[in-house]
Amino acid sequence: MRVLVLNGWAASERAWSLCSFKRERVFSYSEELDGVASRALEKGDGKAVLVGWSMGGSYALKLATQFPEKIGALVLVAATPRMMEEKSSGWKGMSERRLKAFEFAAKTMGGEGLFGPPPGKPNPYELDSDENLARGLKYLEETDVRNEVAAFASSHPSLPVAIFQSERDGIVRSSNAEWLKSVFPQASLEMVAGGEHALPIMIPEAIDRAVETLFS
């Protein structure tokens, strides 16, 4: 199967520089918003493994509901079907205040200090245009595919799914990963100690193993 990687908001390909699994392409978040990733999935031969981090994980879930016949497996890294908090339902997510802090760090520091990177790790983020960043923020604020994902999961009970999540991630809450595990009961779930969001540079070996097992 093809392996397509869907990157996070404001992220560069450096986010995946420590992962060694073979992939056809890493799609930027702007390519996701422009429909480049969805067209590649739709027009490609056979099924694909979607590896999505953060916003890319959200987009991977969205693509799975849109093109279920094209999905061979999902590797969801700090992924969520709904990024923002929702007080009416008790859904845990980012507050508007934290989202603004996230935006400020991306616009002014190119990701340095954006909840990482830890010493000795590559900076997974990059500076981008205000227009692209605003488009990404709009996606994060508005996207909610919980109902669609639950329906997709119930109709694909044997789909291989691997979920990775930090216990104290301040961007994607750990309860979101637990929700994904509840709708994909066949999934593996690895909770990572600490609060790091940029898991592709923190646990690359674990992500490599998850992708590689899909071909065993």
N, C-alpha and C. Protein backbone atom coordinates (compact mmCIF):
# COMPACT_ATOMS: atom_id res chain seq x y z
N MET A 1 0.83 -1.21 0.00
CA MET A 1 0.00 0.00 0.00
C MET A 1 0.86 1.26 0.00
N ARG A 2 0.34 2.28 -0.58
CA ARG A 2 1.01 3.57 -0.55
C ARG A 2 0.91 4.17 0.85
N VAL A 3 1.90 4.94 1.23
CA VAL A 3 1.87 5.64 2.51
C VAL A 3 1.89 7.14 2.24
N LEU A 4 0.83 7.82 2.65
CA LEU A 4 0.70 9.26 2.48
C LEU A 4 0.76 9.91 3.85
N VAL A 5 1.61 10.91 3.99
CA VAL A 5 1.78 11.61 5.27
C VAL A 5 1.10 12.97 5.18
N LEU A 6 0.30 13.28 6.18
CA LEU A 6 -0.44 14.54 6.25
C LEU A 6 0.11 15.34 7.42
N ASN A 7 0.73 16.48 7.10
CA ASN A 7 1.45 17.24 8.10
C ASN A 7 0.54 18.13 8.92
N GLY A 8 1.08 18.61 10.03
CA GLY A 8 0.34 19.49 10.93
C GLY A 8 0.41 20.95 10.52
N TRP A 9 -0.41 21.74 11.16
CA TRP A 9 -0.46 23.18 10.90
C TRP A 9 0.89 23.82 11.19
N ALA A 10 1.34 24.67 10.25
CA ALA A 10 2.59 25.40 10.38
C ALA A 10 3.81 24.49 10.45
N ALA A 11 3.67 23.25 10.01
CA ALA A 11 4.77 22.28 10.11
C ALA A 11 5.51 22.15 8.78
N SER A 12 6.77 21.79 8.87
CA SER A 12 7.58 21.54 7.69
C SER A 12 7.88 20.05 7.61
N GLU A 13 8.55 19.65 6.52
CA GLU A 13 8.92 18.24 6.38
C GLU A 13 9.94 17.82 7.43
N ARG A 14 10.59 18.79 8.10
CA ARG A 14 11.51 18.43 9.19
C ARG A 14 10.82 17.64 10.29
N ALA A 15 9.50 17.82 10.40
CA ALA A 15 8.75 17.09 11.42
C ALA A 15 8.91 15.58 11.26
N TRP A 16 9.18 15.14 10.02
CA TRP A 16 9.27 13.71 9.73
C TRP A 16 10.69 13.26 9.43
N SER A 17 11.67 14.13 9.68
CA SER A 17 13.05 13.83 9.32
C SER A 17 13.66 12.70 10.13
N LEU A 18 13.13 12.41 11.30
CA LEU A 18 13.66 11.33 12.13
C LEU A 18 12.93 10.01 11.91
N CYS A 19 11.82 10.05 11.18
CA CYS A 19 11.09 8.82 10.84
C CYS A 19 11.68 8.22 9.57
N SER A 20 11.86 6.91 9.57
CA SER A 20 12.51 6.25 8.42
C SER A 20 11.53 5.46 7.56
N PHE A 21 10.27 5.37 7.92
CA PHE A 21 9.34 4.57 7.12
C PHE A 21 9.22 5.17 5.71
N LYS A 22 9.02 4.29 4.74
CA LYS A 22 8.91 4.72 3.36
C LYS A 22 7.56 5.37 3.12
N ARG A 23 7.59 6.55 2.52
CA ARG A 23 6.35 7.23 2.22
C ARG A 23 6.40 7.79 0.80
N GLU A 24 5.23 7.85 0.22
CA GLU A 24 5.14 8.38 -1.15
C GLU A 24 5.32 9.89 -1.14
N ARG A 25 4.75 10.53 -0.12
CA ARG A 25 4.81 12.00 -0.08
C ARG A 25 4.38 12.51 1.28
N VAL A 26 4.95 13.66 1.68
CA VAL A 26 4.47 14.39 2.84
C VAL A 26 3.72 15.62 2.33
N PHE A 27 2.45 15.70 2.64
CA PHE A 27 1.63 16.82 2.20
C PHE A 27 1.64 17.91 3.27
N SER A 28 1.87 19.13 2.86
CA SER A 28 1.83 20.25 3.78
C SER A 28 0.38 20.55 4.15
N TYR A 29 0.20 21.32 5.22
CA TYR A 29 -1.17 21.64 5.62
C TYR A 29 -1.85 22.50 4.58
N SER A 30 -1.10 23.35 3.86
CA SER A 30 -1.72 24.16 2.81
C SER A 30 -2.14 23.29 1.63
N GLU A 31 -1.38 22.22 1.34
CA GLU A 31 -1.79 21.28 0.29
C GLU A 31 -3.03 20.50 0.71
N GLU A 32 -3.17 20.26 1.98
CA GLU A 32 -4.40 19.63 2.47
C GLU A 32 -5.58 20.57 2.24
N LEU A 33 -5.41 21.84 2.60
CA LEU A 33 -6.48 22.81 2.43
C LEU A 33 -6.82 23.04 0.97
N ASP A 34 -5.83 22.93 0.10
CA ASP A 34 -6.04 23.14 -1.33
C ASP A 34 -6.59 21.92 -2.04
N GLY A 35 -6.76 20.81 -1.32
CA GLY A 35 -7.31 19.60 -1.92
C GLY A 35 -6.30 18.74 -2.65
N VAL A 36 -5.00 19.08 -2.56
CA VAL A 36 -3.98 18.30 -3.25
C VAL A 36 -3.91 16.88 -2.69
N ALA A 37 -3.97 16.76 -1.37
CA ALA A 37 -3.89 15.44 -0.73
C ALA A 37 -5.11 14.59 -1.06
N SER A 38 -6.28 15.18 -1.05
CA SER A 38 -7.49 14.40 -1.33
C SER A 38 -7.49 13.92 -2.78
N ARG A 39 -7.00 14.73 -3.70
CA ARG A 39 -6.95 14.31 -5.11
C ARG A 39 -5.93 13.19 -5.30
N ALA A 40 -4.82 13.28 -4.59
CA ALA A 40 -3.81 12.22 -4.68
C ALA A 40 -4.36 10.90 -4.16
N LEU A 41 -5.11 10.95 -3.08
CA LEU A 41 -5.71 9.74 -2.53
C LEU A 41 -6.77 9.18 -3.47
N GLU A 42 -7.63 10.05 -3.96
CA GLU A 42 -8.74 9.61 -4.80
C GLU A 42 -8.26 9.00 -6.11
N LYS A 43 -7.23 9.59 -6.72
CA LYS A 43 -6.80 9.17 -8.05
C LYS A 43 -5.72 8.09 -8.01
N GLY A 44 -5.13 7.85 -6.85
CA GLY A 44 -4.07 6.85 -6.76
C GLY A 44 -4.60 5.43 -6.86
N ASP A 45 -3.71 4.53 -7.25
CA ASP A 45 -4.09 3.12 -7.38
C ASP A 45 -4.13 2.45 -6.01
N GLY A 46 -5.13 1.64 -5.79
CA GLY A 46 -5.23 0.85 -4.58
C GLY A 46 -5.49 1.68 -3.34
N LYS A 47 -5.30 1.01 -2.20
CA LYS A 47 -5.55 1.66 -0.91
C LYS A 47 -4.28 2.29 -0.37
N ALA A 48 -4.46 3.20 0.56
CA ALA A 48 -3.32 3.91 1.13
C ALA A 48 -3.37 3.86 2.65
N VAL A 49 -2.18 3.90 3.23
CA VAL A 49 -2.03 4.13 4.66
C VAL A 49 -1.90 5.63 4.86
N LEU A 50 -2.77 6.21 5.66
CA LEU A 50 -2.70 7.63 5.95
C LEU A 50 -2.03 7.82 7.31
N VAL A 51 -0.95 8.58 7.33
CA VAL A 51 -0.24 8.90 8.56
C VAL A 51 -0.45 10.39 8.80
N GLY A 52 -1.21 10.75 9.82
CA GLY A 52 -1.54 12.14 10.03
C GLY A 52 -1.17 12.62 11.41
N TRP A 53 -0.53 13.78 11.46
CA TRP A 53 -0.15 14.40 12.72
C TRP A 53 -0.91 15.69 12.94
N SER A 54 -1.50 15.85 14.12
CA SER A 54 -2.17 17.08 14.52
C SER A 54 -3.24 17.46 13.51
N MET A 55 -3.15 18.63 12.87
CA MET A 55 -4.13 18.99 11.86
C MET A 55 -4.18 17.95 10.75
N GLY A 56 -3.02 17.38 10.43
CA GLY A 56 -2.98 16.32 9.43
C GLY A 56 -3.72 15.07 9.88
N GLY A 57 -3.73 14.82 11.19
CA GLY A 57 -4.50 13.69 11.71
C GLY A 57 -5.99 13.94 11.57
N SER A 58 -6.39 15.18 11.83
CA SER A 58 -7.78 15.56 11.62
C SER A 58 -8.17 15.37 10.16
N TYR A 59 -7.25 15.80 9.27
CA TYR A 59 -7.53 15.69 7.84
C TYR A 59 -7.55 14.23 7.40
N ALA A 60 -6.70 13.40 7.98
CA ALA A 60 -6.73 11.97 7.67
C ALA A 60 -8.07 11.36 8.03
N LEU A 61 -8.59 11.74 9.18
CA LEU A 61 -9.92 11.25 9.58
C LEU A 61 -10.99 11.72 8.61
N LYS A 62 -10.88 12.97 8.20
CA LYS A 62 -11.85 13.51 7.24
C LYS A 62 -11.80 12.77 5.92
N LEU A 63 -10.58 12.52 5.41
CA LEU A 63 -10.43 11.79 4.16
C LEU A 63 -10.98 10.37 4.27
N ALA A 64 -10.78 9.74 5.41
CA ALA A 64 -11.29 8.38 5.61
C ALA A 64 -12.80 8.33 5.46
N THR A 65 -13.48 9.36 5.94
CA THR A 65 -14.94 9.39 5.83
C THR A 65 -15.38 9.71 4.41
N GLN A 66 -14.54 10.42 3.65
CA GLN A 66 -14.90 10.80 2.28
C GLN A 66 -14.56 9.74 1.25
N PHE A 67 -13.46 9.00 1.49
CA PHE A 67 -13.00 7.98 0.54
C PHE A 67 -12.73 6.67 1.26
N PRO A 68 -13.76 6.09 1.88
CA PRO A 68 -13.52 4.88 2.70
C PRO A 68 -12.93 3.71 1.91
N GLU A 69 -13.25 3.64 0.61
CA GLU A 69 -12.75 2.53 -0.20
C GLU A 69 -11.26 2.67 -0.48
N LYS A 70 -10.68 3.83 -0.19
CA LYS A 70 -9.27 4.09 -0.46
C LYS A 70 -8.38 3.93 0.77
N ILE A 71 -8.97 3.62 1.91
CA ILE A 71 -8.22 3.61 3.16
C ILE A 71 -7.83 2.19 3.55
N GLY A 72 -6.51 1.95 3.64
CA GLY A 72 -6.02 0.64 4.05
C GLY A 72 -5.67 0.58 5.52
N ALA A 73 -5.30 1.73 6.10
CA ALA A 73 -4.96 1.81 7.52
C ALA A 73 -4.79 3.28 7.90
N LEU A 74 -4.86 3.55 9.20
CA LEU A 74 -4.68 4.90 9.72
C LEU A 74 -3.64 4.88 10.84
N VAL A 75 -2.70 5.82 10.78
CA VAL A 75 -1.77 6.06 11.88
C VAL A 75 -2.01 7.50 12.32
N LEU A 76 -2.59 7.65 13.50
CA LEU A 76 -3.07 8.94 13.98
C LEU A 76 -2.17 9.42 15.11
N VAL A 77 -1.47 10.53 14.86
CA VAL A 77 -0.47 11.04 15.79
C VAL A 77 -0.94 12.40 16.32
N ALA A 78 -1.26 12.44 17.62
CA ALA A 78 -1.83 13.66 18.21
C ALA A 78 -2.96 14.17 17.33
N ALA A 79 -3.87 13.29 17.01
CA ALA A 79 -4.96 13.58 16.08
C ALA A 79 -6.28 13.73 16.82
N THR A 80 -7.18 14.46 16.22
CA THR A 80 -8.48 14.67 16.83
C THR A 80 -9.52 14.98 15.77
N PRO A 81 -10.76 14.55 15.97
CA PRO A 81 -11.82 14.93 15.03
C PRO A 81 -12.37 16.32 15.30
N ARG A 82 -12.02 16.88 16.47
CA ARG A 82 -12.52 18.21 16.84
C ARG A 82 -11.45 18.90 17.69
N MET A 83 -10.79 19.91 17.15
CA MET A 83 -9.66 20.53 17.83
C MET A 83 -10.09 21.42 19.00
N MET A 84 -11.17 22.15 18.83
CA MET A 84 -11.54 23.16 19.80
C MET A 84 -12.43 22.58 20.91
N GLU A 85 -12.35 23.20 22.07
CA GLU A 85 -13.20 22.77 23.18
C GLU A 85 -14.66 23.09 22.88
N GLU A 86 -15.54 22.35 23.49
CA GLU A 86 -16.98 22.54 23.31
C GLU A 86 -17.64 22.37 24.68
N LYS A 87 -17.90 23.48 25.30
CA LYS A 87 -18.38 23.44 26.67
C LYS A 87 -19.77 22.82 26.78
N SER A 88 -20.59 22.98 25.75
CA SER A 88 -21.95 22.45 25.81
C SER A 88 -21.98 20.93 25.94
N SER A 89 -21.00 20.26 25.32
CA SER A 89 -20.97 18.79 25.37
C SER A 89 -19.90 18.26 26.31
N GLY A 90 -19.03 19.16 26.80
CA GLY A 90 -17.93 18.72 27.65
C GLY A 90 -16.73 18.22 26.89
N TRP A 91 -16.71 18.45 25.58
CA TRP A 91 -15.58 18.01 24.76
C TRP A 91 -14.35 18.82 25.12
N LYS A 92 -13.25 18.13 25.40
CA LYS A 92 -12.02 18.79 25.79
C LYS A 92 -11.20 19.13 24.54
N GLY A 93 -10.77 20.38 24.46
CA GLY A 93 -9.98 20.80 23.32
C GLY A 93 -9.28 22.11 23.63
N MET A 94 -8.77 22.74 22.59
CA MET A 94 -8.09 24.02 22.77
C MET A 94 -9.09 25.13 23.01
N SER A 95 -8.76 26.02 23.93
CA SER A 95 -9.56 27.22 24.13
C SER A 95 -9.17 28.25 23.08
N GLU A 96 -10.03 29.24 22.88
CA GLU A 96 -9.72 30.31 21.95
C GLU A 96 -8.44 31.03 22.37
N ARG A 97 -8.25 31.20 23.68
CA ARG A 97 -7.06 31.87 24.17
C ARG A 97 -5.79 31.11 23.81
N ARG A 98 -5.82 29.80 23.97
CA ARG A 98 -4.64 29.00 23.66
C ARG A 98 -4.40 28.98 22.16
N LEU A 99 -5.46 28.98 21.38
CA LEU A 99 -5.32 29.02 19.93
C LEU A 99 -4.61 30.29 19.50
N LYS A 100 -4.94 31.42 20.13
CA LYS A 100 -4.30 32.69 19.80
C LYS A 100 -2.81 32.65 20.17
N ALA A 101 -2.49 32.01 21.29
CA ALA A 101 -1.08 31.87 21.67
C ALA A 101 -0.33 31.01 20.66
N PHE A 102 -0.99 29.97 20.21
CA PHE A 102 -0.44 29.07 19.20
C PHE A 102 -0.15 29.86 17.93
N GLU A 103 -1.09 30.70 17.53
CA GLU A 103 -0.94 31.53 16.33
C GLU A 103 0.22 32.52 16.49
N PHE A 104 0.29 33.16 17.65
CA PHE A 104 1.34 34.16 17.89
C PHE A 104 2.73 33.53 17.78
N ALA A 105 2.89 32.36 18.39
CA ALA A 105 4.18 31.68 18.34
C ALA A 105 4.55 31.30 16.92
N ALA A 106 3.58 30.84 16.14
CA ALA A 106 3.86 30.43 14.76
C ALA A 106 4.27 31.62 13.91
N LYS A 107 3.61 32.74 14.13
CA LYS A 107 3.87 33.92 13.29
C LYS A 107 5.16 34.63 13.66
N THR A 108 5.57 34.55 14.90
CA THR A 108 6.71 35.35 15.35
C THR A 108 8.00 34.56 15.55
N MET A 109 7.88 33.25 15.73
CA MET A 109 9.08 32.48 16.06
C MET A 109 9.33 31.30 15.15
N GLY A 110 8.49 31.15 14.15
CA GLY A 110 8.70 30.01 13.26
C GLY A 110 8.65 28.69 13.98
N GLY A 111 7.91 28.66 15.06
CA GLY A 111 7.78 27.43 15.81
C GLY A 111 8.70 27.30 16.99
N GLU A 112 9.77 28.07 17.05
CA GLU A 112 10.65 28.01 18.22
C GLU A 112 9.85 28.46 19.44
N GLY A 113 9.80 27.61 20.42
CA GLY A 113 9.00 27.93 21.59
C GLY A 113 7.54 27.56 21.45
N LEU A 114 7.19 26.97 20.31
CA LEU A 114 5.81 26.58 20.06
C LEU A 114 5.56 25.20 20.70
N PHE A 115 5.59 25.19 22.04
CA PHE A 115 5.45 23.92 22.76
C PHE A 115 6.55 22.95 22.34
N GLY A 116 7.73 23.49 22.04
CA GLY A 116 8.87 22.71 21.59
C GLY A 116 9.63 23.54 20.57
N PRO A 117 10.69 22.99 19.94
CA PRO A 117 11.13 21.61 20.09
C PRO A 117 12.05 21.43 21.28
N PRO A 118 12.15 20.23 21.80
CA PRO A 118 13.08 19.97 22.89
C PRO A 118 14.52 20.11 22.41
N PRO A 119 15.45 20.33 23.31
CA PRO A 119 16.86 20.44 22.94
C PRO A 119 17.34 19.21 22.17
N GLY A 120 18.06 19.47 21.10
CA GLY A 120 18.62 18.38 20.31
C GLY A 120 17.69 17.81 19.26
N LYS A 121 16.46 18.31 19.19
CA LYS A 121 15.50 17.83 18.20
C LYS A 121 15.30 18.89 17.11
N PRO A 122 15.02 18.46 15.88
CA PRO A 122 14.78 19.44 14.82
C PRO A 122 13.48 20.21 15.08
N ASN A 123 13.48 21.48 14.71
CA ASN A 123 12.26 22.27 14.83
C ASN A 123 11.27 21.80 13.76
N PRO A 124 10.12 21.25 14.16
CA PRO A 124 9.20 20.71 13.16
C PRO A 124 8.35 21.77 12.48
N TYR A 125 8.47 23.02 12.93
CA TYR A 125 7.61 24.08 12.40
C TYR A 125 8.41 25.01 11.49
N GLU A 126 7.70 25.87 10.78
CA GLU A 126 8.33 26.84 9.90
C GLU A 126 7.46 28.08 9.78
N LEU A 127 8.10 29.18 9.42
CA LEU A 127 7.34 30.39 9.15
C LEU A 127 6.55 30.22 7.86
N ASP A 128 5.36 30.79 7.81
CA ASP A 128 4.52 30.72 6.62
C ASP A 128 3.81 32.05 6.47
N SER A 129 3.10 32.20 5.37
CA SER A 129 2.39 33.44 5.13
C SER A 129 1.22 33.58 6.10
N ASP A 130 0.88 34.80 6.42
CA ASP A 130 -0.27 35.04 7.28
C ASP A 130 -1.54 34.45 6.68
N GLU A 131 -1.63 34.51 5.35
CA GLU A 131 -2.83 33.97 4.68
C GLU A 131 -2.97 32.47 4.92
N ASN A 132 -1.88 31.73 4.72
CA ASN A 132 -1.93 30.28 4.93
C ASN A 132 -2.22 29.94 6.38
N LEU A 133 -1.54 30.65 7.30
CA LEU A 133 -1.78 30.39 8.72
C LEU A 133 -3.23 30.64 9.09
N ALA A 134 -3.81 31.71 8.55
CA ALA A 134 -5.21 32.03 8.85
C ALA A 134 -6.15 30.96 8.30
N ARG A 135 -5.84 30.46 7.12
CA ARG A 135 -6.66 29.38 6.54
C ARG A 135 -6.60 28.14 7.41
N GLY A 136 -5.40 27.83 7.89
CA GLY A 136 -5.26 26.67 8.76
C GLY A 136 -6.01 26.84 10.07
N LEU A 137 -5.93 28.03 10.63
CA LEU A 137 -6.66 28.30 11.87
C LEU A 137 -8.16 28.16 11.68
N LYS A 138 -8.64 28.62 10.56
CA LYS A 138 -10.08 28.51 10.27
C LYS A 138 -10.49 27.04 10.22
N TYR A 139 -9.63 26.22 9.59
CA TYR A 139 -9.90 24.78 9.54
C TYR A 139 -9.95 24.20 10.95
N LEU A 140 -8.96 24.57 11.77
CA LEU A 140 -8.91 24.03 13.13
C LEU A 140 -10.13 24.47 13.95
N GLU A 141 -10.55 25.69 13.77
CA GLU A 141 -11.67 26.21 14.53
C GLU A 141 -13.00 25.57 14.13
N GLU A 142 -13.16 25.30 12.84
CA GLU A 142 -14.48 24.91 12.33
C GLU A 142 -14.67 23.41 12.15
N THR A 143 -13.59 22.66 11.99
CA THR A 143 -13.74 21.25 11.63
C THR A 143 -14.24 20.41 12.81
N ASP A 144 -15.25 19.63 12.54
CA ASP A 144 -15.81 18.69 13.52
C ASP A 144 -16.35 17.49 12.75
N VAL A 145 -15.61 16.39 12.76
CA VAL A 145 -16.01 15.20 12.02
C VAL A 145 -16.30 14.03 12.96
N ARG A 146 -16.68 14.33 14.18
CA ARG A 146 -16.94 13.26 15.15
C ARG A 146 -18.01 12.30 14.67
N ASN A 147 -19.13 12.81 14.21
CA ASN A 147 -20.22 11.93 13.78
C ASN A 147 -19.82 11.10 12.57
N GLU A 148 -19.15 11.74 11.61
CA GLU A 148 -18.72 11.02 10.41
C GLU A 148 -17.70 9.95 10.74
N VAL A 149 -16.77 10.26 11.64
CA VAL A 149 -15.73 9.29 12.01
C VAL A 149 -16.36 8.11 12.75
N ALA A 150 -17.30 8.38 13.63
CA ALA A 150 -17.95 7.29 14.35
C ALA A 150 -18.67 6.36 13.39
N ALA A 151 -19.34 6.93 12.38
CA ALA A 151 -20.04 6.11 11.40
C ALA A 151 -19.06 5.29 10.57
N PHE A 152 -17.96 5.93 10.15
CA PHE A 152 -16.94 5.22 9.38
C PHE A 152 -16.33 4.09 10.20
N ALA A 153 -16.01 4.36 11.44
CA ALA A 153 -15.39 3.35 12.29
C ALA A 153 -16.30 2.14 12.49
N SER A 154 -17.59 2.39 12.67
CA SER A 154 -18.52 1.29 12.92
C SER A 154 -18.67 0.38 11.70
N SER A 155 -18.44 0.93 10.52
CA SER A 155 -18.56 0.14 9.30
C SER A 155 -17.23 -0.46 8.85
N HIS A 156 -16.15 -0.18 9.59
CA HIS A 156 -14.82 -0.73 9.27
C HIS A 156 -14.18 -1.28 10.55
N PRO A 157 -14.80 -2.31 11.14
CA PRO A 157 -14.34 -2.80 12.45
C PRO A 157 -12.98 -3.49 12.42
N SER A 158 -12.49 -3.85 11.24
CA SER A 158 -11.19 -4.54 11.18
C SER A 158 -10.10 -3.66 10.57
N LEU A 159 -10.38 -2.40 10.34
CA LEU A 159 -9.37 -1.51 9.77
C LEU A 159 -8.21 -1.34 10.74
N PRO A 160 -6.97 -1.56 10.31
CA PRO A 160 -5.83 -1.32 11.21
C PRO A 160 -5.70 0.17 11.55
N VAL A 161 -5.63 0.46 12.82
CA VAL A 161 -5.51 1.84 13.29
C VAL A 161 -4.50 1.87 14.44
N ALA A 162 -3.57 2.81 14.37
CA ALA A 162 -2.62 3.04 15.46
C ALA A 162 -2.76 4.49 15.91
N ILE A 163 -2.85 4.69 17.22
CA ILE A 163 -3.04 6.03 17.78
C ILE A 163 -1.89 6.33 18.73
N PHE A 164 -1.30 7.52 18.59
CA PHE A 164 -0.24 7.98 19.48
C PHE A 164 -0.65 9.33 20.07
N GLN A 165 -0.46 9.48 21.37
CA GLN A 165 -0.91 10.70 22.04
C GLN A 165 -0.09 10.95 23.30
N SER A 166 0.29 12.21 23.51
CA SER A 166 0.95 12.58 24.76
C SER A 166 -0.09 12.75 25.86
N GLU A 167 0.29 12.38 27.06
CA GLU A 167 -0.65 12.41 28.18
C GLU A 167 -1.09 13.83 28.53
N ARG A 168 -0.17 14.82 28.37
CA ARG A 168 -0.48 16.19 28.80
C ARG A 168 -0.33 17.19 27.66
N ASP A 169 -0.60 16.75 26.45
CA ASP A 169 -0.54 17.63 25.28
C ASP A 169 -1.51 18.80 25.47
N GLY A 170 -1.00 20.02 25.35
CA GLY A 170 -1.86 21.18 25.53
C GLY A 170 -2.59 21.61 24.28
N ILE A 171 -2.33 20.93 23.17
CA ILE A 171 -3.02 21.26 21.91
C ILE A 171 -4.12 20.26 21.62
N VAL A 172 -3.76 18.99 21.60
CA VAL A 172 -4.77 17.92 21.45
C VAL A 172 -4.85 17.18 22.78
N ARG A 173 -6.01 17.18 23.37
CA ARG A 173 -6.17 16.58 24.70
C ARG A 173 -6.13 15.06 24.63
N SER A 174 -5.63 14.45 25.69
CA SER A 174 -5.53 12.99 25.72
C SER A 174 -6.90 12.33 25.64
N SER A 175 -7.93 13.00 26.13
CA SER A 175 -9.28 12.44 26.05
C SER A 175 -9.75 12.30 24.61
N ASN A 176 -9.19 13.10 23.70
CA ASN A 176 -9.54 12.96 22.28
C ASN A 176 -9.04 11.63 21.73
N ALA A 177 -7.82 11.25 22.14
CA ALA A 177 -7.27 9.95 21.73
C ALA A 177 -8.10 8.81 22.32
N GLU A 178 -8.54 8.99 23.55
CA GLU A 178 -9.38 7.97 24.17
C GLU A 178 -10.71 7.84 23.43
N TRP A 179 -11.23 8.97 22.95
CA TRP A 179 -12.46 8.92 22.14
C TRP A 179 -12.22 8.13 20.86
N LEU A 180 -11.09 8.39 20.20
CA LEU A 180 -10.77 7.65 18.98
C LEU A 180 -10.67 6.15 19.26
N LYS A 181 -10.04 5.81 20.38
CA LYS A 181 -9.94 4.40 20.75
C LYS A 181 -11.31 3.80 21.00
N SER A 182 -12.24 4.58 21.53
CA SER A 182 -13.58 4.05 21.80
C SER A 182 -14.35 3.77 20.52
N VAL A 183 -14.13 4.56 19.47
CA VAL A 183 -14.85 4.31 18.22
C VAL A 183 -14.09 3.34 17.32
N PHE A 184 -12.78 3.22 17.53
CA PHE A 184 -11.96 2.22 16.83
C PHE A 184 -11.44 1.23 17.89
N PRO A 185 -12.28 0.35 18.42
CA PRO A 185 -11.84 -0.52 19.51
C PRO A 185 -10.71 -1.46 19.11
N GLN A 186 -10.55 -1.71 17.82
CA GLN A 186 -9.46 -2.57 17.34
C GLN A 186 -8.12 -1.85 17.31
N ALA A 187 -8.11 -0.54 17.54
CA ALA A 187 -6.89 0.26 17.42
C ALA A 187 -5.92 0.00 18.57
N SER A 188 -4.64 0.19 18.28
CA SER A 188 -3.64 0.26 19.34
C SER A 188 -3.57 1.72 19.79
N LEU A 189 -3.33 1.93 21.07
CA LEU A 189 -3.23 3.28 21.61
C LEU A 189 -1.98 3.35 22.48
N GLU A 190 -1.05 4.23 22.11
CA GLU A 190 0.16 4.44 22.91
C GLU A 190 0.12 5.84 23.51
N MET A 191 0.00 5.90 24.83
CA MET A 191 0.03 7.17 25.54
C MET A 191 1.48 7.45 25.94
N VAL A 192 1.96 8.62 25.53
CA VAL A 192 3.35 9.00 25.74
C VAL A 192 3.43 9.92 26.95
N ALA A 193 4.35 9.65 27.85
CA ALA A 193 4.51 10.48 29.03
C ALA A 193 4.91 11.90 28.64
N GLY A 194 4.43 12.88 29.39
CA GLY A 194 4.79 14.27 29.12
C GLY A 194 3.75 14.99 28.31
N GLY A 195 4.11 16.20 27.88
CA GLY A 195 3.16 17.04 27.19
C GLY A 195 3.58 17.47 25.80
N GLU A 196 4.52 16.77 25.21
CA GLU A 196 5.03 17.16 23.90
C GLU A 196 4.00 16.89 22.80
N HIS A 197 3.81 17.88 21.95
CA HIS A 197 2.86 17.73 20.83
C HIS A 197 3.53 17.16 19.58
N ALA A 198 4.79 17.52 19.36
CA ALA A 198 5.48 17.13 18.13
C ALA A 198 6.01 15.70 18.23
N LEU A 199 5.10 14.75 18.28
CA LEU A 199 5.50 13.36 18.48
C LEU A 199 6.33 12.77 17.34
N PRO A 200 6.18 13.21 16.09
CA PRO A 200 7.05 12.63 15.05
C PRO A 200 8.54 12.81 15.32
N ILE A 201 8.91 13.86 16.05
CA ILE A 201 10.34 14.02 16.38
C ILE A 201 10.67 13.46 17.76
N MET A 202 9.66 13.07 18.52
CA MET A 202 9.89 12.53 19.86
C MET A 202 9.88 11.01 19.89
N ILE A 203 9.00 10.40 19.11
CA ILE A 203 8.89 8.94 19.12
C ILE A 203 8.93 8.39 17.69
N PRO A 204 9.92 8.78 16.89
CA PRO A 204 9.93 8.33 15.49
C PRO A 204 10.00 6.82 15.34
N GLU A 205 10.74 6.15 16.26
CA GLU A 205 10.87 4.69 16.14
C GLU A 205 9.53 4.01 16.34
N ALA A 206 8.72 4.50 17.26
CA ALA A 206 7.40 3.90 17.50
C ALA A 206 6.48 4.10 16.30
N ILE A 207 6.55 5.27 15.70
CA ILE A 207 5.74 5.52 14.51
C ILE A 207 6.22 4.65 13.36
N ASP A 208 7.54 4.52 13.21
CA ASP A 208 8.08 3.62 12.18
C ASP A 208 7.55 2.20 12.36
N ARG A 209 7.56 1.71 13.60
CA ARG A 209 7.09 0.34 13.84
C ARG A 209 5.62 0.20 13.48
N ALA A 210 4.83 1.22 13.82
CA ALA A 210 3.40 1.15 13.54
C ALA A 210 3.16 1.05 12.04
N VAL A 211 3.87 1.86 11.26
CA VAL A 211 3.70 1.81 9.81
C VAL A 211 4.20 0.49 9.25
N GLU A 212 5.35 0.05 9.72
CA GLU A 212 5.95 -1.18 9.19
C GLU A 212 5.10 -2.41 9.47
N THR A 213 4.42 -2.44 10.61
CA THR A 213 3.60 -3.61 10.92
C THR A 213 2.42 -3.75 9.97
N LEU A 214 2.04 -2.67 9.33
CA LEU A 214 0.92 -2.73 8.39
C LEU A 214 1.29 -3.49 7.13
N PHE A 215 2.58 -3.73 6.92
CA PHE A 215 3.03 -4.46 5.74
C PHE A 215 3.53 -5.85 6.08
N SER A 216 3.42 -6.25 7.33
CA SER A 216 3.93 -7.56 7.75
C SER A 216 2.88 -8.65 7.51
